[in-house]
Amino acid sequence: MPLPEDLPPTLYHYTDTGGLLGILGNPVAFPGTDEGTFATEKDATFGTLWATDARYLNDSQELTYGAEMLAKKLETEADSARSETVRERLHQLAADTRNGRFEYNTRSKVEKPNPHVTCFCTSGNLLSQWRGYGDGGGGYAIGFTGTAIAGLITVNASLFQTDPELSVGPVQQAVRVRYGKVEAEPFLTECAGEARHGLEQIESGKKSYRWPDTFHGVIATSLAQVKHDAFREESEWRVVVDQEWGGEDAQFRAGRVGLIPYQKLYFPITKAGTPLVKEIVVGPGGERELRKEALERLLAKIGSADTEVVLSDAPYRG
């Protein structure tokens, strides 16, 4: 899968010690790996990332910031649509966007698409990230290569025995978060135009997108890519997973608001002998040298000894 042209060479995921162990501490292998069913190479092992239901992230406006902007863009597209059917559907999409109605029909019931998100930062040594996600400086910033992020997959374990090929699905490419109205507006204008084009493709018989299910899912995913300007310092990139096309059913972990739904994503630890985790920054908290030594031993154990381990030099007192 080609990488986005503006994707930084390394993206960092901040986490605490427990998160680090969950990501790298217990590499997994899947049936079919030896035959190359979906591995990047023979005997591949995979690390695990969590994609969290976007509604449970730290931004209280997740999936709502940008909704009014997008609704207005859809109404503008509707006003210039030549077809009455397309016009009516765009107005319906605008109303659904404004009211957060993104249901789709699947498995003989109505469900609501909940985009799941894995977050990355362009900087591996940002004080706000250490405070917010890196255990107050006692955690780690894991630096993933673009190849690692492009190689993320979902896996449905229940299909292993019956159809290994269908048990694996690629994950959508990482996207840059747009902050504030100035960045969000042109992006949402493009999204509205694509919605109109998709509806015209249906009407002309060129595409068979499900109405309104496909459009509800795309709109929810688009709203997960815009955030309030107050979060700009995070300089965030995201991998957004549509729940409808995910692998395993949701998992759950404990969080500040109670149970937090998430899905597992997997990445190959190495490719052609090269580690796909380029570096790990040890946070500016206490006992950095001891934490560095233990981390190096862990990396050697999982076959990623060439991953560079560096100490944060942030002037932070936890």
Protein backbone atom coordinates (compact mmCIF):
# COMPACT_ATOMS: atom_id res chain seq x y z
CA MET A 1 0.00 0.00 0.00
CA PRO A 2 1.55 3.37 -1.01
CA LEU A 3 2.23 5.78 1.82
CA PRO A 4 0.67 9.28 1.86
CA GLU A 5 3.15 11.78 0.44
CA ASP A 6 3.07 13.95 3.57
CA LEU A 7 3.28 11.07 6.07
CA PRO A 8 6.18 11.77 8.48
CA PRO A 9 8.93 9.11 8.44
CA THR A 10 8.25 8.32 12.10
CA LEU A 11 5.04 8.68 14.10
CA TYR A 12 4.95 8.28 17.87
CA HIS A 13 2.41 6.58 20.08
CA TYR A 14 2.62 7.63 23.73
CA THR A 15 1.77 5.05 26.37
CA ASP A 16 2.51 3.88 29.90
CA THR A 17 4.39 0.73 30.89
CA GLY A 18 1.29 -1.45 30.70
CA GLY A 19 0.53 -0.14 27.23
CA LEU A 20 4.09 -0.79 26.08
CA LEU A 21 3.84 -4.40 27.20
CA GLY A 22 0.47 -4.75 25.48
CA ILE A 23 1.93 -3.44 22.22
CA LEU A 24 5.30 -5.23 22.18
CA GLY A 25 5.55 -7.54 25.17
CA ASN A 26 3.74 -10.57 23.76
CA PRO A 27 4.19 -10.90 19.98
CA VAL A 28 1.58 -13.05 18.28
CA ALA A 29 1.64 -15.30 15.21
CA PHE A 30 -1.35 -16.43 13.18
CA PRO A 31 -2.29 -19.59 11.32
CA GLY A 32 -1.06 -19.45 7.75
CA THR A 33 2.00 -17.37 8.51
CA ASP A 34 4.41 -20.05 7.29
CA GLU A 35 2.58 -20.23 3.98
CA GLY A 36 2.54 -16.45 3.67
CA THR A 37 -1.25 -16.27 3.92
CA PHE A 38 -1.09 -12.70 5.14
CA ALA A 39 2.34 -12.30 6.68
CA THR A 40 4.96 -9.94 5.33
CA GLU A 41 7.49 -12.76 5.56
CA LYS A 42 7.79 -16.30 6.83
CA ASP A 43 7.56 -16.75 10.60
CA ALA A 44 6.34 -13.18 11.04
CA THR A 45 5.25 -12.10 14.49
CA PHE A 46 3.01 -9.16 15.20
CA GLY A 47 2.68 -6.47 17.82
CA THR A 48 -0.71 -5.19 18.90
CA LEU A 49 -2.19 -1.70 18.91
CA TRP A 50 -5.59 -0.69 20.23
CA ALA A 51 -8.07 1.35 18.21
CA THR A 52 -10.36 3.03 20.73
CA ASP A 53 -13.99 3.95 20.08
CA ALA A 54 -13.62 7.64 19.18
CA ARG A 55 -16.45 8.71 21.48
CA TYR A 56 -14.36 7.64 24.49
CA LEU A 57 -11.27 9.70 23.67
CA ASN A 58 -10.26 12.81 25.64
CA ASP A 59 -11.94 15.28 23.27
CA SER A 60 -15.55 15.79 24.37
CA GLN A 61 -16.40 16.98 20.84
CA GLU A 62 -15.22 13.84 19.02
CA LEU A 63 -17.56 13.19 16.07
CA THR A 64 -19.53 16.38 16.82
CA TYR A 65 -16.96 19.09 16.09
CA GLY A 66 -17.33 19.78 12.39
CA ALA A 67 -20.82 18.25 12.13
CA GLU A 68 -22.56 21.58 11.55
CA MET A 69 -19.92 22.63 9.01
CA LEU A 70 -20.31 19.37 7.10
CA ALA A 71 -24.12 19.58 7.22
CA LYS A 72 -24.00 23.02 5.59
CA LYS A 73 -21.59 21.75 2.93
CA LEU A 74 -23.96 18.89 2.11
CA GLU A 75 -26.88 21.35 1.83
CA THR A 76 -24.83 23.49 -0.56
CA GLU A 77 -24.16 20.43 -2.72
CA ALA A 78 -27.86 19.58 -2.60
CA ASP A 79 -28.88 23.01 -3.81
CA SER A 80 -26.83 22.59 -6.99
CA ALA A 81 -27.69 18.94 -7.65
CA ARG A 82 -29.53 18.30 -10.91
CA SER A 83 -31.34 15.18 -9.76
CA GLU A 84 -34.24 15.40 -7.33
CA THR A 85 -33.25 12.05 -5.80
CA VAL A 86 -29.68 13.18 -5.21
CA ARG A 87 -30.92 16.49 -3.83
CA GLU A 88 -33.26 14.80 -1.36
CA ARG A 89 -30.63 12.35 -0.21
CA LEU A 90 -28.04 15.08 0.35
CA HIS A 91 -30.53 17.01 2.46
CA GLN A 92 -31.24 13.82 4.41
CA LEU A 93 -27.50 13.29 4.94
CA ALA A 94 -27.20 16.88 6.15
CA ALA A 95 -29.98 16.33 8.68
CA ASP A 96 -28.48 13.01 9.80
CA THR A 97 -25.05 14.65 10.20
CA ARG A 98 -26.48 17.53 12.21
CA ASN A 99 -28.31 15.14 14.52
CA GLY A 100 -25.66 12.43 14.74
CA ARG A 101 -27.82 9.76 13.08
CA PHE A 102 -25.41 7.40 11.36
CA GLU A 103 -27.19 4.06 11.70
CA TYR A 104 -26.79 1.28 9.16
CA ASN A 105 -28.45 -2.10 8.72
CA THR A 106 -26.29 -5.18 9.26
CA ARG A 107 -26.70 -8.66 10.68
CA SER A 108 -30.47 -8.26 10.61
CA LYS A 109 -30.40 -5.28 12.99
CA VAL A 110 -29.75 -1.58 12.99
CA GLU A 111 -26.35 -0.53 14.29
CA LYS A 112 -24.52 2.76 14.64
CA PRO A 113 -21.06 3.04 13.08
CA ASN A 114 -18.56 3.98 15.75
CA PRO A 115 -15.16 4.81 14.24
CA HIS A 116 -12.29 3.38 16.27
CA VAL A 117 -9.09 5.40 16.39
CA THR A 118 -5.39 4.79 17.03
CA CYS A 119 -3.55 8.05 17.65
CA PHE A 120 -0.01 9.07 16.74
CA CYS A 121 2.02 12.24 17.19
CA THR A 122 4.70 13.73 14.95
CA SER A 123 6.91 14.51 17.98
CA GLY A 124 8.43 11.90 20.27
CA ASN A 125 9.23 14.30 23.09
CA LEU A 126 6.22 16.55 23.74
CA LEU A 127 5.53 17.55 27.33
CA SER A 128 1.76 17.68 26.90
CA GLN A 129 1.82 14.12 25.56
CA TRP A 130 3.97 12.88 28.44
CA ARG A 131 1.50 14.41 30.85
CA GLY A 132 -1.61 13.22 29.07
CA TYR A 133 -0.67 9.77 27.82
CA GLY A 134 2.88 8.92 28.92
CA ASP A 135 2.20 8.22 32.60
CA GLY A 136 3.31 11.66 33.69
CA GLY A 137 6.74 11.11 32.14
CA GLY A 138 7.11 7.55 33.35
CA GLY A 139 5.99 6.07 30.05
CA TYR A 140 7.28 5.71 26.51
CA ALA A 141 6.84 7.17 23.03
CA ILE A 142 6.97 4.33 20.51
CA GLY A 143 8.22 5.54 17.12
CA PHE A 144 6.61 3.59 14.26
CA THR A 145 7.81 3.73 10.69
CA GLY A 146 5.36 4.53 7.93
CA THR A 147 5.74 0.94 6.75
CA ALA A 148 4.55 -0.34 10.12
CA ILE A 149 1.49 1.90 10.06
CA ALA A 150 0.72 1.01 6.44
CA GLY A 151 1.01 -2.68 7.39
CA LEU A 152 -1.64 -2.61 10.10
CA ILE A 153 -4.29 -5.33 9.81
CA THR A 154 -7.41 -6.45 11.61
CA VAL A 155 -7.81 -10.15 12.35
CA ASN A 156 -11.02 -12.06 13.01
CA ALA A 157 -9.91 -15.05 15.07
CA SER A 158 -13.22 -16.87 14.64
CA LEU A 159 -12.52 -17.30 10.90
CA PHE A 160 -9.05 -18.80 11.32
CA GLN A 161 -10.14 -22.41 11.10
CA THR A 162 -12.64 -21.98 8.27
CA ASP A 163 -11.07 -19.37 6.01
CA PRO A 164 -7.73 -17.79 6.97
CA GLU A 165 -7.73 -15.54 3.91
CA LEU A 166 -10.99 -13.89 4.91
CA SER A 167 -9.94 -13.57 8.55
CA VAL A 168 -7.62 -10.67 7.79
CA GLY A 169 -8.42 -7.20 6.58
CA PRO A 170 -6.21 -4.20 5.76
CA VAL A 171 -6.64 -1.02 7.74
CA GLN A 172 -7.27 2.35 6.12
CA GLN A 173 -4.19 4.50 5.69
CA ALA A 174 -3.22 6.99 8.40
CA VAL A 175 -4.73 10.45 8.01
CA ARG A 176 -3.64 13.83 9.29
CA VAL A 177 -6.04 15.48 11.72
CA ARG A 178 -7.36 18.88 10.67
CA TYR A 179 -7.56 21.44 13.48
CA GLY A 180 -9.99 24.33 13.67
CA LYS A 181 -12.28 25.82 11.05
CA VAL A 182 -9.50 26.97 8.71
CA GLU A 183 -8.21 23.42 8.17
CA ALA A 184 -11.49 21.54 8.63
CA GLU A 185 -13.61 23.55 6.19
CA PRO A 186 -11.82 22.68 2.92
CA PHE A 187 -11.58 19.04 3.99
CA LEU A 188 -15.31 18.88 4.76
CA THR A 189 -16.10 20.66 1.49
CA GLU A 190 -14.28 17.85 -0.30
CA CYS A 191 -16.17 15.25 1.75
CA ALA A 192 -19.51 16.77 0.79
CA GLY A 193 -18.51 16.82 -2.87
CA GLU A 194 -17.54 13.16 -2.70
CA ALA A 195 -20.92 12.33 -1.15
CA ARG A 196 -22.70 14.04 -4.02
CA HIS A 197 -20.51 12.24 -6.56
CA GLY A 198 -21.22 8.90 -4.88
CA LEU A 199 -24.96 9.48 -5.01
CA GLU A 200 -24.75 10.43 -8.69
CA GLN A 201 -22.78 7.23 -9.34
CA ILE A 202 -25.60 5.21 -7.74
CA GLU A 203 -28.25 6.94 -9.81
CA SER A 204 -26.36 6.38 -13.04
CA GLY A 205 -25.89 2.70 -12.22
CA LYS A 206 -22.09 2.96 -12.14
CA LYS A 207 -21.81 2.09 -8.44
CA SER A 208 -23.82 -0.01 -6.02
CA TYR A 209 -23.09 1.78 -2.76
CA ARG A 210 -25.63 0.95 -0.09
CA TRP A 211 -27.91 3.83 0.73
CA PRO A 212 -27.71 5.28 3.31
CA ASP A 213 -25.38 2.83 5.10
CA THR A 214 -22.18 3.49 3.15
CA PHE A 215 -22.63 7.26 3.39
CA HIS A 216 -23.34 7.20 7.12
CA GLY A 217 -20.11 5.26 7.68
CA VAL A 218 -18.04 7.61 5.52
CA ILE A 219 -19.44 10.71 7.22
CA ALA A 220 -18.76 9.35 10.71
CA THR A 221 -15.20 8.47 9.66
CA SER A 222 -14.70 11.94 8.17
CA LEU A 223 -15.84 13.64 11.38
CA ALA A 224 -13.22 11.60 13.26
CA GLN A 225 -10.57 13.46 11.24
CA VAL A 226 -11.33 16.99 12.46
CA LYS A 227 -10.78 18.43 15.93
CA HIS A 228 -11.04 21.69 17.82
CA ASP A 229 -8.10 24.05 17.42
CA ALA A 230 -7.27 23.68 21.13
CA PHE A 231 -5.71 20.28 20.33
CA ARG A 232 -3.40 21.60 17.60
CA GLU A 233 -0.21 21.06 19.61
CA GLU A 234 -0.76 17.30 19.42
CA SER A 235 -0.02 17.42 15.67
CA GLU A 236 -1.93 14.16 15.42
CA TRP A 237 -2.18 11.52 12.77
CA ARG A 238 -4.84 8.84 13.09
CA VAL A 239 -5.68 5.42 11.84
CA VAL A 240 -9.47 5.31 11.70
CA VAL A 241 -11.15 1.91 11.62
CA ASP A 242 -14.78 1.62 10.59
CA GLN A 243 -16.40 -0.78 13.04
CA GLU A 244 -18.48 -2.33 10.27
CA TRP A 245 -15.34 -3.51 8.46
CA GLY A 246 -13.25 -4.38 11.50
CA GLY A 247 -11.90 -7.76 12.50
CA GLU A 248 -12.73 -9.14 15.91
CA ASP A 249 -15.71 -8.00 17.94
CA ALA A 250 -14.99 -5.14 20.32
CA GLN A 251 -12.80 -5.70 23.37
CA PHE A 252 -13.17 -3.70 26.57
CA ARG A 253 -10.78 -2.09 29.03
CA ALA A 254 -11.20 0.07 32.12
CA GLY A 255 -10.99 3.85 31.73
CA ARG A 256 -11.95 7.13 33.33
CA VAL A 257 -15.52 6.92 32.06
CA GLY A 258 -15.95 3.21 32.83
CA LEU A 259 -15.69 0.52 30.15
CA ILE A 260 -13.83 1.62 27.00
CA PRO A 261 -14.54 -0.32 23.78
CA TYR A 262 -11.57 -0.97 21.50
CA GLN A 263 -10.43 -3.18 18.65
CA LYS A 264 -7.07 -4.84 18.16
CA LEU A 265 -4.83 -3.91 15.23
CA TYR A 266 -1.70 -5.88 14.39
CA PHE A 267 1.60 -4.82 12.81
CA PRO A 268 4.61 -6.96 11.81
CA ILE A 269 7.47 -6.38 14.25
CA THR A 270 10.10 -6.69 11.53
CA LYS A 271 10.15 -6.71 7.75
CA ALA A 272 13.09 -8.25 5.89
CA GLY A 273 14.98 -8.19 9.17
CA THR A 274 14.42 -4.46 9.74
CA PRO A 275 12.51 -3.39 12.85
CA LEU A 276 9.31 -1.49 12.07
CA VAL A 277 9.49 0.25 15.43
CA LYS A 278 12.31 2.65 14.59
CA GLU A 279 12.89 4.03 18.08
CA ILE A 280 11.37 4.26 21.53
CA VAL A 281 11.77 7.35 23.67
CA VAL A 282 11.96 6.71 27.42
CA GLY A 283 9.91 9.38 29.18
CA PRO A 284 11.47 12.09 31.38
CA GLY A 285 10.31 10.51 34.64
CA GLY A 286 12.52 8.81 37.21
CA GLU A 287 14.90 5.85 36.78
CA ARG A 288 15.35 6.47 33.09
CA GLU A 289 18.55 4.46 32.80
CA LEU A 290 16.99 1.41 34.46
CA ARG A 291 13.89 1.72 32.30
CA LYS A 292 16.10 1.99 29.21
CA GLU A 293 18.04 -1.16 30.13
CA ALA A 294 14.90 -3.20 30.72
CA LEU A 295 13.39 -1.97 27.47
CA GLU A 296 16.48 -2.98 25.50
CA ARG A 297 16.27 -6.46 27.00
CA LEU A 298 12.60 -6.69 25.98
CA LEU A 299 13.38 -5.60 22.43
CA ALA A 300 16.13 -8.19 22.14
CA LYS A 301 13.74 -10.86 23.34
CA ILE A 302 11.13 -10.10 20.67
CA GLY A 303 13.67 -9.89 17.85
CA SER A 304 13.78 -6.12 17.54
CA ALA A 305 17.19 -5.41 19.08
CA ASP A 306 17.99 -2.83 16.38
CA THR A 307 15.21 -0.55 17.58
CA GLU A 308 16.94 2.52 19.00
CA VAL A 309 16.16 3.44 22.61
CA VAL A 310 16.72 7.08 23.56
CA LEU A 311 16.18 9.07 26.75
CA SER A 312 13.89 12.07 26.77
CA ASP A 313 15.70 15.27 27.63
CA ALA A 314 12.51 17.17 28.42
CA PRO A 315 12.95 19.31 31.57
CA TYR A 316 10.01 17.75 33.36
CA ARG A 317 9.54 17.12 37.06
CA GLY A 318 6.68 14.68 37.64
